Amino acid sequence: MDLTVAKTFTLRGRTQLQVRAESFNAFNWRQYNDPVTAITAANFGRIISASATRTGQVGLRLTF
C-alpha cells in the first residue's frame, strides 16, 4: 500500500509550486520473495525470505 499527499500553491499568475510526500509500503506489510527453485535444495519450493522495507520521499515541483 503506497500513500501520496500533495498540495499545490499558486505563486504568481500561472506559476505553481507543488509539495509532495510519498510513502511506499506505508503499513509495513511483508512482501514474500520467490520460492527456492533448485531441485536438489533441501528447501525446494519453500519461500524462505521476505522483505518488509518502508521508504518515503519528499519532493517539490515548480511549474511555470
N, C-alpha and C. Protein backbone atom coordinates (compact mmCIF):
# COMPACT_ATOMS: atom_id res chain seq x y z
N MET A 1 0.85 -1.17 0.00
CA MET A 1 0.00 0.00 0.00
C MET A 1 0.90 1.23 0.00
N ASP A 2 0.78 2.04 -1.04
CA ASP A 2 1.54 3.27 -1.16
C ASP A 2 0.62 4.46 -0.91
N LEU A 3 1.16 5.49 -0.27
CA LEU A 3 0.38 6.69 0.02
C LEU A 3 1.09 7.92 -0.53
N THR A 4 0.30 8.88 -1.03
CA THR A 4 0.83 10.15 -1.51
C THR A 4 -0.04 11.28 -1.00
N VAL A 5 0.60 12.32 -0.49
CA VAL A 5 -0.09 13.53 -0.06
C VAL A 5 0.56 14.67 -0.83
N ALA A 6 -0.25 15.49 -1.50
CA ALA A 6 0.28 16.59 -2.31
C ALA A 6 -0.57 17.83 -2.12
N LYS A 7 0.10 18.98 -2.16
CA LYS A 7 -0.59 20.27 -2.07
C LYS A 7 0.03 21.21 -3.10
N THR A 8 -0.82 21.88 -3.89
CA THR A 8 -0.35 22.80 -4.92
C THR A 8 -0.66 24.24 -4.51
N PHE A 9 0.36 25.09 -4.60
CA PHE A 9 0.23 26.51 -4.26
C PHE A 9 0.44 27.32 -5.53
N THR A 10 -0.39 28.35 -5.75
CA THR A 10 -0.20 29.27 -6.87
C THR A 10 0.67 30.43 -6.38
N LEU A 11 1.80 30.65 -7.07
CA LEU A 11 2.72 31.70 -6.64
C LEU A 11 2.41 33.02 -7.33
N ARG A 12 2.57 33.07 -8.66
CA ARG A 12 2.28 34.29 -9.44
C ARG A 12 1.72 33.87 -10.78
N GLY A 13 0.59 34.39 -11.12
CA GLY A 13 0.00 34.09 -12.43
C GLY A 13 -0.17 32.60 -12.65
N ARG A 14 0.59 32.05 -13.61
CA ARG A 14 0.48 30.63 -13.93
C ARG A 14 1.56 29.78 -13.25
N THR A 15 2.39 30.38 -12.41
CA THR A 15 3.46 29.65 -11.72
C THR A 15 2.87 28.94 -10.50
N GLN A 16 3.17 27.64 -10.41
CA GLN A 16 2.66 26.84 -9.31
C GLN A 16 3.79 26.06 -8.65
N LEU A 17 3.66 25.84 -7.35
CA LEU A 17 4.61 25.04 -6.59
C LEU A 17 3.84 23.89 -5.94
N GLN A 18 4.27 22.67 -6.21
CA GLN A 18 3.61 21.50 -5.63
C GLN A 18 4.56 20.85 -4.61
N VAL A 19 4.05 20.58 -3.43
CA VAL A 19 4.79 19.89 -2.37
C VAL A 19 4.19 18.50 -2.24
N ARG A 20 5.07 17.46 -2.30
CA ARG A 20 4.60 16.07 -2.26
C ARG A 20 5.34 15.31 -1.17
N ALA A 21 4.62 14.42 -0.51
CA ALA A 21 5.21 13.47 0.43
C ALA A 21 4.66 12.10 0.06
N GLU A 22 5.56 11.14 -0.20
CA GLU A 22 5.16 9.80 -0.63
C GLU A 22 5.74 8.76 0.32
N SER A 23 4.97 7.73 0.57
CA SER A 23 5.40 6.62 1.41
C SER A 23 5.11 5.31 0.68
N PHE A 24 6.13 4.48 0.54
CA PHE A 24 5.99 3.19 -0.13
C PHE A 24 5.99 2.10 0.93
N ASN A 25 5.06 1.14 0.82
CA ASN A 25 4.84 0.11 1.82
C ASN A 25 4.51 0.77 3.17
N ALA A 26 3.55 1.66 3.14
CA ALA A 26 3.21 2.51 4.29
C ALA A 26 2.81 1.72 5.54
N PHE A 27 2.16 0.59 5.36
CA PHE A 27 1.71 -0.19 6.52
C PHE A 27 2.69 -1.30 6.89
N ASN A 28 3.86 -1.31 6.23
CA ASN A 28 4.95 -2.24 6.54
C ASN A 28 4.52 -3.70 6.40
N TRP A 29 3.75 -4.01 5.38
CA TRP A 29 3.35 -5.40 5.11
C TRP A 29 4.51 -6.15 4.47
N ARG A 30 4.65 -7.42 4.78
CA ARG A 30 5.71 -8.24 4.20
C ARG A 30 5.42 -8.53 2.73
N GLN A 31 6.48 -8.54 1.95
CA GLN A 31 6.39 -8.91 0.55
C GLN A 31 7.30 -10.11 0.36
N TYR A 32 6.71 -11.27 0.11
CA TYR A 32 7.46 -12.51 0.04
C TYR A 32 8.22 -12.64 -1.26
N ASN A 33 9.44 -13.18 -1.16
CA ASN A 33 10.28 -13.39 -2.34
C ASN A 33 9.88 -14.68 -3.03
N ASP A 34 10.52 -14.99 -4.15
CA ASP A 34 10.22 -16.20 -4.92
C ASP A 34 10.66 -17.45 -4.15
N PRO A 35 9.99 -18.58 -4.39
CA PRO A 35 10.41 -19.82 -3.74
C PRO A 35 11.73 -20.34 -4.30
N VAL A 36 12.38 -21.22 -3.55
CA VAL A 36 13.63 -21.84 -3.98
C VAL A 36 13.33 -22.74 -5.18
N THR A 37 14.10 -22.59 -6.27
CA THR A 37 13.80 -23.35 -7.49
C THR A 37 14.82 -24.43 -7.81
N ALA A 38 15.87 -24.55 -7.00
CA ALA A 38 16.87 -25.59 -7.24
C ALA A 38 16.31 -26.93 -6.74
N ILE A 39 16.17 -27.88 -7.65
CA ILE A 39 15.54 -29.17 -7.32
C ILE A 39 16.33 -29.93 -6.26
N THR A 40 17.64 -29.78 -6.23
CA THR A 40 18.46 -30.51 -5.28
C THR A 40 18.52 -29.86 -3.90
N ALA A 41 17.95 -28.67 -3.74
CA ALA A 41 17.99 -27.96 -2.45
C ALA A 41 17.01 -28.58 -1.47
N ALA A 42 17.39 -28.56 -0.20
CA ALA A 42 16.52 -29.11 0.85
C ALA A 42 15.25 -28.27 1.01
N ASN A 43 15.32 -27.01 0.67
CA ASN A 43 14.16 -26.11 0.81
C ASN A 43 13.41 -25.92 -0.50
N PHE A 44 13.47 -26.86 -1.42
CA PHE A 44 12.84 -26.72 -2.73
C PHE A 44 11.35 -26.41 -2.59
N GLY A 45 10.92 -25.36 -3.27
CA GLY A 45 9.51 -24.98 -3.28
C GLY A 45 9.08 -24.14 -2.10
N ARG A 46 9.96 -23.89 -1.17
CA ARG A 46 9.61 -23.09 0.01
C ARG A 46 10.04 -21.63 -0.17
N ILE A 47 9.29 -20.76 0.45
CA ILE A 47 9.65 -19.34 0.48
C ILE A 47 10.37 -19.12 1.79
N ILE A 48 11.65 -18.80 1.72
CA ILE A 48 12.45 -18.72 2.95
C ILE A 48 12.86 -17.30 3.31
N SER A 49 12.44 -16.30 2.52
CA SER A 49 12.81 -14.92 2.84
C SER A 49 11.69 -13.97 2.42
N ALA A 50 11.69 -12.84 3.07
CA ALA A 50 10.72 -11.80 2.76
C ALA A 50 11.35 -10.44 3.04
N SER A 51 10.83 -9.42 2.41
CA SER A 51 11.31 -8.06 2.67
C SER A 51 10.15 -7.22 3.18
N ALA A 52 10.44 -6.39 4.15
CA ALA A 52 9.41 -5.51 4.71
C ALA A 52 10.04 -4.15 4.93
N THR A 53 10.43 -3.50 3.85
CA THR A 53 11.07 -2.20 3.98
C THR A 53 10.07 -1.09 3.69
N ARG A 54 10.06 -0.11 4.55
CA ARG A 54 9.21 1.06 4.39
C ARG A 54 10.11 2.22 3.98
N THR A 55 9.77 2.88 2.89
CA THR A 55 10.57 4.03 2.44
C THR A 55 9.65 5.21 2.19
N GLY A 56 10.24 6.38 2.20
CA GLY A 56 9.47 7.59 1.95
C GLY A 56 10.33 8.62 1.24
N GLN A 57 9.66 9.59 0.64
CA GLN A 57 10.38 10.68 -0.02
C GLN A 57 9.52 11.93 -0.02
N VAL A 58 10.19 13.07 -0.08
CA VAL A 58 9.52 14.37 -0.12
C VAL A 58 10.06 15.10 -1.35
N GLY A 59 9.18 15.78 -2.07
CA GLY A 59 9.62 16.47 -3.28
C GLY A 59 8.88 17.77 -3.52
N LEU A 60 9.50 18.61 -4.34
CA LEU A 60 8.91 19.88 -4.77
C LEU A 60 8.87 19.89 -6.29
N ARG A 61 7.83 20.49 -6.84
CA ARG A 61 7.70 20.61 -8.29
C ARG A 61 7.27 22.04 -8.61
N LEU A 62 8.06 22.71 -9.43
CA LEU A 62 7.76 24.07 -9.84
C LEU A 62 7.31 24.05 -11.30
N THR A 63 6.10 24.51 -11.56
CA THR A 63 5.55 24.57 -12.90
C THR A 63 5.35 26.02 -13.29
N PHE A 64 5.90 26.40 -14.47
CA PHE A 64 5.74 27.80 -14.92
C PHE A 64 5.44 27.84 -16.39
